[in-house]
Amino acid sequence: RLDLRNLDLVLLSSCSSGTGESGGVLDVDSLVRAFLQAGAARVLASRWDISSRAAAGLVSTFYRHLDAGIPAAEALRKASSSV
């Protein structure tokens, strides 16, 4: 029932937050699907376990790149290669 149409990007920063995605974004158990159905344009979620320290570094670097005007996909690529 949430209206998230104003959200361009949702970042789920927790271990395996995208594991319900094994059946794709239409998987009934998908947290990602719930955000997309609520109107969020994009959702970034992990499909694997990651340490808190690595996640913090990835998210910090990702947002630093976004703030610099780098598109989300490129910001994620750059952040993941630096962690």
PDB file of N, CA and C in Angstrom:
ATOM      1  N   ARG A   1       0.798  -1.201   0.000  1.00  0.00           N
ATOM      2  CA  ARG A   1       0.000   0.000   0.000  1.00  0.00           C
ATOM      3  C   ARG A   1       0.841   1.265   0.000  1.00  0.00           C
ATOM      4  N   LEU A   2       2.146   1.113   0.159  1.00  0.00           N
ATOM      5  CA  LEU A   2       3.015   2.289   0.119  1.00  0.00           C
ATOM      6  C   LEU A   2       3.100   2.837  -1.292  1.00  0.00           C
ATOM      7  N   ASP A   3       3.191   4.142  -1.391  1.00  0.00           N
ATOM      8  CA  ASP A   3       3.382   4.789  -2.679  1.00  0.00           C
ATOM      9  C   ASP A   3       4.822   5.286  -2.739  1.00  0.00           C
ATOM     10  N   LEU A   4       5.662   4.538  -3.427  1.00  0.00           N
ATOM     11  CA  LEU A   4       7.086   4.887  -3.509  1.00  0.00           C
ATOM     12  C   LEU A   4       7.465   5.373  -4.906  1.00  0.00           C
ATOM     13  N   ARG A   5       6.496   5.901  -5.641  1.00  0.00           N
ATOM     14  CA  ARG A   5       6.768   6.354  -7.008  1.00  0.00           C
ATOM     15  C   ARG A   5       7.764   7.504  -7.074  1.00  0.00           C
ATOM     16  N   ASN A   6       7.990   8.182  -5.979  1.00  0.00           N
ATOM     17  CA  ASN A   6       8.951   9.287  -5.961  1.00  0.00           C
ATOM     18  C   ASN A   6      10.378   8.813  -5.717  1.00  0.00           C
ATOM     19  N   LEU A   7      10.555   7.517  -5.449  1.00  0.00           N
ATOM     20  CA  LEU A   7      11.897   6.994  -5.195  1.00  0.00           C
ATOM     21  C   LEU A   7      12.551   6.541  -6.491  1.00  0.00           C
ATOM     22  N   ASP A   8      13.705   7.077  -6.757  1.00  0.00           N
ATOM     23  CA  ASP A   8      14.469   6.681  -7.924  1.00  0.00           C
ATOM     24  C   ASP A   8      15.258   5.409  -7.648  1.00  0.00           C
ATOM     25  N   LEU A   9      15.736   5.261  -6.409  1.00  0.00           N
ATOM     26  CA  LEU A   9      16.594   4.131  -6.060  1.00  0.00           C
ATOM     27  C   LEU A   9      16.390   3.736  -4.607  1.00  0.00           C
ATOM     28  N   VAL A  10      16.212   2.431  -4.380  1.00  0.00           N
ATOM     29  CA  VAL A  10      16.169   1.867  -3.031  1.00  0.00           C
ATOM     30  C   VAL A  10      17.394   0.993  -2.882  1.00  0.00           C
ATOM     31  N   LEU A  11      18.152   1.179  -1.819  1.00  0.00           N
ATOM     32  CA  LEU A  11      19.322   0.355  -1.556  1.00  0.00           C
ATOM     33  C   LEU A  11      19.063  -0.450  -0.293  1.00  0.00           C
ATOM     34  N   LEU A  12      19.052  -1.777  -0.427  1.00  0.00           N
ATOM     35  CA  LEU A  12      18.855  -2.668   0.713  1.00  0.00           C
ATOM     36  C   LEU A  12      20.232  -3.157   1.134  1.00  0.00           C
ATOM     37  N   SER A  13      20.767  -2.561   2.177  1.00  0.00           N
ATOM     38  CA  SER A  13      22.122  -2.857   2.600  1.00  0.00           C
ATOM     39  C   SER A  13      22.114  -3.861   3.742  1.00  0.00           C
ATOM     40  N   SER A  14      21.919  -5.113   3.389  1.00  0.00           N
ATOM     41  CA  SER A  14      21.992  -6.200   4.363  1.00  0.00           C
ATOM     42  C   SER A  14      22.363  -7.474   3.614  1.00  0.00           C
ATOM     43  N   CYS A  15      22.874  -8.426   4.334  1.00  0.00           N
ATOM     44  CA  CYS A  15      23.290  -9.681   3.705  1.00  0.00           C
ATOM     45  C   CYS A  15      22.122 -10.379   3.028  1.00  0.00           C
ATOM     46  N   SER A  16      22.327 -10.788   1.823  1.00  0.00           N
ATOM     47  CA  SER A  16      21.370 -11.596   1.084  1.00  0.00           C
ATOM     48  C   SER A  16      19.974 -10.991   1.003  1.00  0.00           C
ATOM     49  N   SER A  17      19.863  -9.668   0.944  1.00  0.00           N
ATOM     50  CA  SER A  17      18.547  -9.025   0.892  1.00  0.00           C
ATOM     51  C   SER A  17      17.816  -9.326  -0.404  1.00  0.00           C
ATOM     52  N   GLY A  18      18.540  -9.822  -1.396  1.00  0.00           N
ATOM     53  CA  GLY A  18      17.907 -10.166  -2.660  1.00  0.00           C
ATOM     54  C   GLY A  18      17.784 -11.655  -2.887  1.00  0.00           C
ATOM     55  N   THR A  19      17.914 -12.473  -1.845  1.00  0.00           N
ATOM     56  CA  THR A  19      17.893 -13.921  -2.048  1.00  0.00           C
ATOM     57  C   THR A  19      16.539 -14.442  -2.478  1.00  0.00           C
ATOM     58  N   GLY A  20      15.473 -13.725  -2.243  1.00  0.00           N
ATOM     59  CA  GLY A  20      14.163 -14.135  -2.724  1.00  0.00           C
ATOM     60  C   GLY A  20      14.036 -13.981  -4.216  1.00  0.00           C
ATOM     61  N   GLU A  21      15.109 -13.535  -4.853  1.00  0.00           N
ATOM     62  CA  GLU A  21      15.092 -13.272  -6.286  1.00  0.00           C
ATOM     63  C   GLU A  21      15.378 -14.504  -7.134  1.00  0.00           C
ATOM     64  N   SER A  22      15.510 -15.671  -6.527  1.00  0.00           N
ATOM     65  CA  SER A  22      15.859 -16.858  -7.307  1.00  0.00           C
ATOM     66  C   SER A  22      14.843 -17.140  -8.402  1.00  0.00           C
ATOM     67  N   GLY A  23      13.611 -16.727  -8.188  1.00  0.00           N
ATOM     68  CA  GLY A  23      12.580 -16.898  -9.201  1.00  0.00           C
ATOM     69  C   GLY A  23      12.364 -15.641 -10.019  1.00  0.00           C
ATOM     70  N   GLY A  24      13.271 -14.692  -9.913  1.00  0.00           N
ATOM     71  CA  GLY A  24      13.138 -13.425 -10.637  1.00  0.00           C
ATOM     72  C   GLY A  24      12.374 -12.410  -9.812  1.00  0.00           C
ATOM     73  N   VAL A  25      12.190 -11.215 -10.359  1.00  0.00           N
ATOM     74  CA  VAL A  25      11.534 -10.151  -9.600  1.00  0.00           C
ATOM     75  C   VAL A  25      10.053 -10.429  -9.374  1.00  0.00           C
ATOM     76  N   LEU A  26       9.506 -11.454  -9.997  1.00  0.00           N
ATOM     77  CA  LEU A  26       8.115 -11.806  -9.760  1.00  0.00           C
ATOM     78  C   LEU A  26       7.957 -12.865  -8.680  1.00  0.00           C
ATOM     79  N   ASP A  27       9.054 -13.281  -8.072  1.00  0.00           N
ATOM     80  CA  ASP A  27       9.039 -14.253  -6.980  1.00  0.00           C
ATOM     81  C   ASP A  27       8.170 -13.706  -5.843  1.00  0.00           C
ATOM     82  N   VAL A  28       7.228 -14.504  -5.363  1.00  0.00           N
ATOM     83  CA  VAL A  28       6.293 -14.069  -4.336  1.00  0.00           C
ATOM     84  C   VAL A  28       6.995 -13.610  -3.065  1.00  0.00           C
ATOM     85  N   ASP A  29       8.134 -14.200  -2.730  1.00  0.00           N
ATOM     86  CA  ASP A  29       8.834 -13.875  -1.492  1.00  0.00           C
ATOM     87  C   ASP A  29       9.834 -12.739  -1.649  1.00  0.00           C
ATOM     88  N   SER A  30       9.810 -12.074  -2.734  1.00  0.00           N
ATOM     89  CA  SER A  30      10.834 -11.096  -3.044  1.00  0.00           C
ATOM     90  C   SER A  30      10.605  -9.739  -2.375  1.00  0.00           C
ATOM     91  N   LEU A  31      11.544  -9.340  -1.539  1.00  0.00           N
ATOM     92  CA  LEU A  31      11.515  -8.005  -0.944  1.00  0.00           C
ATOM     93  C   LEU A  31      11.718  -6.958  -2.042  1.00  0.00           C
ATOM     94  N   VAL A  32      12.564  -7.283  -2.989  1.00  0.00           N
ATOM     95  CA  VAL A  32      12.805  -6.375  -4.112  1.00  0.00           C
ATOM     96  C   VAL A  32      11.506  -6.144  -4.878  1.00  0.00           C
ATOM     97  N   ARG A  33      10.779  -7.209  -5.133  1.00  0.00           N
ATOM     98  CA  ARG A  33       9.510  -7.109  -5.861  1.00  0.00           C
ATOM     99  C   ARG A  33       8.549  -6.178  -5.133  1.00  0.00           C
ATOM    100  N   ALA A  34       8.513  -6.259  -3.817  1.00  0.00           N
ATOM    101  CA  ALA A  34       7.609  -5.413  -3.034  1.00  0.00           C
ATOM    102  C   ALA A  34       7.931  -3.931  -3.241  1.00  0.00           C
ATOM    103  N   PHE A  35       9.199  -3.588  -3.245  1.00  0.00           N
ATOM    104  CA  PHE A  35       9.590  -2.190  -3.483  1.00  0.00           C
ATOM    105  C   PHE A  35       9.243  -1.752  -4.901  1.00  0.00           C
ATOM    106  N   LEU A  36       9.466  -2.628  -5.869  1.00  0.00           N
ATOM    107  CA  LEU A  36       9.138  -2.291  -7.254  1.00  0.00           C
ATOM    108  C   LEU A  36       7.629  -2.129  -7.431  1.00  0.00           C
ATOM    109  N   GLN A  37       6.846  -3.005  -6.820  1.00  0.00           N
ATOM    110  CA  GLN A  37       5.389  -2.892  -6.912  1.00  0.00           C
ATOM    111  C   GLN A  37       4.881  -1.625  -6.246  1.00  0.00           C
ATOM    112  N   ALA A  38       5.588  -1.166  -5.230  1.00  0.00           N
ATOM    113  CA  ALA A  38       5.194   0.065  -4.543  1.00  0.00           C
ATOM    114  C   ALA A  38       5.577   1.305  -5.345  1.00  0.00           C
ATOM    115  N   GLY A  39       6.298   1.107  -6.442  1.00  0.00           N
ATOM    116  CA  GLY A  39       6.593   2.226  -7.331  1.00  0.00           C
ATOM    117  C   GLY A  39       8.036   2.662  -7.418  1.00  0.00           C
ATOM    118  N   ALA A  40       8.929   2.082  -6.603  1.00  0.00           N
ATOM    119  CA  ALA A  40      10.345   2.464  -6.686  1.00  0.00           C
ATOM    120  C   ALA A  40      10.867   2.150  -8.086  1.00  0.00           C
ATOM    121  N   ALA A  41      11.648   3.056  -8.638  1.00  0.00           N
ATOM    122  CA  ALA A  41      12.155   2.871 -10.003  1.00  0.00           C
ATOM    123  C   ALA A  41      13.209   1.771 -10.079  1.00  0.00           C
ATOM    124  N   ARG A  42      14.106   1.726  -9.094  1.00  0.00           N
ATOM    125  CA  ARG A  42      15.198   0.737  -9.085  1.00  0.00           C
ATOM    126  C   ARG A  42      15.467   0.297  -7.662  1.00  0.00           C
ATOM    127  N   VAL A  43      15.920  -0.962  -7.533  1.00  0.00           N
ATOM    128  CA  VAL A  43      16.271  -1.503  -6.221  1.00  0.00           C
ATOM    129  C   VAL A  43      17.623  -2.187  -6.338  1.00  0.00           C
ATOM    130  N   LEU A  44      18.509  -1.863  -5.434  1.00  0.00           N
ATOM    131  CA  LEU A  44      19.828  -2.486  -5.365  1.00  0.00           C
ATOM    132  C   LEU A  44      19.852  -3.351  -4.115  1.00  0.00           C
ATOM    133  N   ALA A  45      20.073  -4.668  -4.299  1.00  0.00           N
ATOM    134  CA  ALA A  45      20.065  -5.606  -3.184  1.00  0.00           C
ATOM    135  C   ALA A  45      21.131  -6.664  -3.408  1.00  0.00           C
ATOM    136  N   SER A  46      21.648  -7.185  -2.320  1.00  0.00           N
ATOM    137  CA  SER A  46      22.690  -8.211  -2.376  1.00  0.00           C
ATOM    138  C   SER A  46      22.073  -9.606  -2.458  1.00  0.00           C
ATOM    139  N   ARG A  47      22.687 -10.466  -3.265  1.00  0.00           N
ATOM    140  CA  ARG A  47      22.261 -11.857  -3.344  1.00  0.00           C
ATOM    141  C   ARG A  47      23.270 -12.774  -2.672  1.00  0.00           C
ATOM    142  N   TRP A  48      24.162 -12.189  -1.888  1.00  0.00           N
ATOM    143  CA  TRP A  48      25.186 -12.969  -1.195  1.00  0.00           C
ATOM    144  C   TRP A  48      25.456 -12.323   0.156  1.00  0.00           C
ATOM    145  N   ASP A  49      26.138 -13.063   1.018  1.00  0.00           N
ATOM    146  CA  ASP A  49      26.523 -12.524   2.321  1.00  0.00           C
ATOM    147  C   ASP A  49      27.721 -11.592   2.144  1.00  0.00           C
ATOM    148  N   ILE A  50      27.726 -10.529   2.914  1.00  0.00           N
ATOM    149  CA  ILE A  50      28.813  -9.556   2.862  1.00  0.00           C
ATOM    150  C   ILE A  50      29.058  -9.070   4.294  1.00  0.00           C
ATOM    151  N   SER A  51      30.301  -8.866   4.642  1.00  0.00           N
ATOM    152  CA  SER A  51      30.605  -8.388   5.993  1.00  0.00           C
ATOM    153  C   SER A  51      30.108  -6.949   6.146  1.00  0.00           C
ATOM    154  N   SER A  52      29.835  -6.577   7.371  1.00  0.00           N
ATOM    155  CA  SER A  52      29.363  -5.217   7.646  1.00  0.00           C
ATOM    156  C   SER A  52      30.386  -4.178   7.218  1.00  0.00           C
ATOM    157  N   ARG A  53      31.660  -4.476   7.438  1.00  0.00           N
ATOM    158  CA  ARG A  53      32.725  -3.539   7.061  1.00  0.00           C
ATOM    159  C   ARG A  53      32.773  -3.343   5.541  1.00  0.00           C
ATOM    160  N   ALA A  54      32.700  -4.445   4.798  1.00  0.00           N
ATOM    161  CA  ALA A  54      32.724  -4.352   3.336  1.00  0.00           C
ATOM    162  C   ALA A  54      31.477  -3.646   2.815  1.00  0.00           C
ATOM    163  N   ALA A  55      30.316  -3.951   3.405  1.00  0.00           N
ATOM    164  CA  ALA A  55      29.068  -3.304   2.985  1.00  0.00           C
ATOM    165  C   ALA A  55      29.129  -1.806   3.218  1.00  0.00           C
ATOM    166  N   ALA A  56      29.654  -1.399   4.372  1.00  0.00           N
ATOM    167  CA  ALA A  56      29.763   0.031   4.678  1.00  0.00           C
ATOM    168  C   ALA A  56      30.669   0.736   3.676  1.00  0.00           C
ATOM    169  N   GLY A  57      31.779   0.091   3.328  1.00  0.00           N
ATOM    170  CA  GLY A  57      32.686   0.677   2.339  1.00  0.00           C
ATOM    171  C   GLY A  57      32.044   0.771   0.971  1.00  0.00           C
ATOM    172  N   LEU A  58      31.350  -0.276   0.574  1.00  0.00           N
ATOM    173  CA  LEU A  58      30.682  -0.293  -0.731  1.00  0.00           C
ATOM    174  C   LEU A  58      29.614   0.789  -0.809  1.00  0.00           C
ATOM    175  N   VAL A  59      28.770   0.868   0.196  1.00  0.00           N
ATOM    176  CA  VAL A  59      27.681   1.847   0.195  1.00  0.00           C
ATOM    177  C   VAL A  59      28.223   3.271   0.233  1.00  0.00           C
ATOM    178  N   SER A  60      29.224   3.506   1.063  1.00  0.00           N
ATOM    179  CA  SER A  60      29.824   4.837   1.157  1.00  0.00           C
ATOM    180  C   SER A  60      30.414   5.275  -0.183  1.00  0.00           C
ATOM    181  N   THR A  61      31.160   4.382  -0.798  1.00  0.00           N
ATOM    182  CA  THR A  61      31.782   4.698  -2.092  1.00  0.00           C
ATOM    183  C   THR A  61      30.725   4.856  -3.178  1.00  0.00           C
ATOM    184  N   PHE A  62      29.718   3.997  -3.161  1.00  0.00           N
ATOM    185  CA  PHE A  62      28.625   4.073  -4.135  1.00  0.00           C
ATOM    186  C   PHE A  62      27.950   5.439  -4.068  1.00  0.00           C
ATOM    187  N   TYR A  63      27.587   5.876  -2.859  1.00  0.00           N
ATOM    188  CA  TYR A  63      26.915   7.176  -2.724  1.00  0.00           C
ATOM    189  C   TYR A  63      27.846   8.345  -3.042  1.00  0.00           C
ATOM    190  N   ARG A  64      29.111   8.205  -2.762  1.00  0.00           N
ATOM    191  CA  ARG A  64      30.060   9.261  -3.127  1.00  0.00           C
ATOM    192  C   ARG A  64      30.083   9.435  -4.645  1.00  0.00           C
ATOM    193  N   HIS A  65      30.069   8.329  -5.375  1.00  0.00           N
ATOM    194  CA  HIS A  65      30.042   8.399  -6.842  1.00  0.00           C
ATOM    195  C   HIS A  65      28.707   8.969  -7.338  1.00  0.00           C
ATOM    196  N   LEU A  66      27.600   8.553  -6.721  1.00  0.00           N
ATOM    197  CA  LEU A  66      26.298   9.107  -7.115  1.00  0.00           C
ATOM    198  C   LEU A  66      26.268  10.617  -6.902  1.00  0.00           C
ATOM    199  N   ASP A  67      26.776  11.059  -5.753  1.00  0.00           N
ATOM    200  CA  ASP A  67      26.810  12.497  -5.466  1.00  0.00           C
ATOM    201  C   ASP A  67      27.656  13.267  -6.469  1.00  0.00           C
ATOM    202  N   ALA A  68      28.630  12.583  -7.066  1.00  0.00           N
ATOM    203  CA  ALA A  68      29.487  13.214  -8.077  1.00  0.00           C
ATOM    204  C   ALA A  68      28.825  13.222  -9.449  1.00  0.00           C
ATOM    205  N   GLY A  69      27.602  12.687  -9.532  1.00  0.00           N
ATOM    206  CA  GLY A  69      26.872  12.709 -10.798  1.00  0.00           C
ATOM    207  C   GLY A  69      27.069  11.480 -11.674  1.00  0.00           C
ATOM    208  N   ILE A  70      27.740  10.466 -11.153  1.00  0.00           N
ATOM    209  CA  ILE A  70      27.959   9.240 -11.918  1.00  0.00           C
ATOM    210  C   ILE A  70      26.666   8.422 -11.897  1.00  0.00           C
ATOM    211  N   PRO A  71      26.219   7.897 -13.035  1.00  0.00           N
ATOM    212  CA  PRO A  71      25.005   7.081 -13.066  1.00  0.00           C
ATOM    213  C   PRO A  71      25.120   5.877 -12.126  1.00  0.00           C
ATOM    214  N   ALA A  72      23.984   5.427 -11.592  1.00  0.00           N
ATOM    215  CA  ALA A  72      23.957   4.381 -10.569  1.00  0.00           C
ATOM    216  C   ALA A  72      24.696   3.111 -10.979  1.00  0.00           C
ATOM    217  N   ALA A  73      24.497   2.629 -12.186  1.00  0.00           N
ATOM    218  CA  ALA A  73      25.153   1.382 -12.611  1.00  0.00           C
ATOM    219  C   ALA A  73      26.675   1.538 -12.611  1.00  0.00           C
ATOM    220  N   GLU A  74      27.154   2.661 -13.105  1.00  0.00           N
ATOM    221  CA  GLU A  74      28.595   2.912 -13.131  1.00  0.00           C
ATOM    222  C   GLU A  74      29.129   3.141 -11.713  1.00  0.00           C
ATOM    223  N   ALA A  75      28.348   3.843 -10.884  1.00  0.00           N
ATOM    224  CA  ALA A  75      28.752   4.073  -9.496  1.00  0.00           C
ATOM    225  C   ALA A  75      28.902   2.745  -8.756  1.00  0.00           C
ATOM    226  N   LEU A  76      27.979   1.814  -9.003  1.00  0.00           N
ATOM    227  CA  LEU A  76      28.067   0.507  -8.372  1.00  0.00           C
ATOM    228  C   LEU A  76      29.278  -0.262  -8.878  1.00  0.00           C
ATOM    229  N   ARG A  77      29.525  -0.220 -10.175  1.00  0.00           N
ATOM    230  CA  ARG A  77      30.688  -0.917 -10.741  1.00  0.00           C
ATOM    231  C   ARG A  77      31.977  -0.383 -10.119  1.00  0.00           C
ATOM    232  N   LYS A  78      32.096   0.929 -10.050  1.00  0.00           N
ATOM    233  CA  LYS A  78      33.299   1.534  -9.475  1.00  0.00           C
ATOM    234  C   LYS A  78      33.438   1.204  -7.985  1.00  0.00           C
ATOM    235  N   ALA A  79      32.324   1.262  -7.256  1.00  0.00           N
ATOM    236  CA  ALA A  79      32.366   0.974  -5.824  1.00  0.00           C
ATOM    237  C   ALA A  79      32.726  -0.477  -5.565  1.00  0.00           C
ATOM    238  N   SER A  80      32.168  -1.378  -6.339  1.00  0.00           N
ATOM    239  CA  SER A  80      32.443  -2.805  -6.107  1.00  0.00           C
ATOM    240  C   SER A  80      33.875  -3.183  -6.477  1.00  0.00           C
ATOM    241  N   SER A  81      34.460  -2.460  -7.410  1.00  0.00           N
ATOM    242  CA  SER A  81      35.843  -2.779  -7.779  1.00  0.00           C
ATOM    243  C   SER A  81      36.836  -2.170  -6.792  1.00  0.00           C
ATOM    244  N   SER A  82      36.374  -1.250  -5.930  1.00  0.00           N
ATOM    245  CA  SER A  82      37.283  -0.624  -4.973  1.00  0.00           C
ATOM    246  C   SER A  82      37.224  -1.270  -3.590  1.00  0.00           C
ATOM    247  N   VAL A  83      36.282  -2.169  -3.376  1.00  0.00           N
ATOM    248  CA  VAL A  83      36.119  -2.803  -2.053  1.00  0.00           C
ATOM    249  C   VAL A  83      36.910  -4.086  -1.997  1.00  0.00           C
TER     250      VAL A  83
END
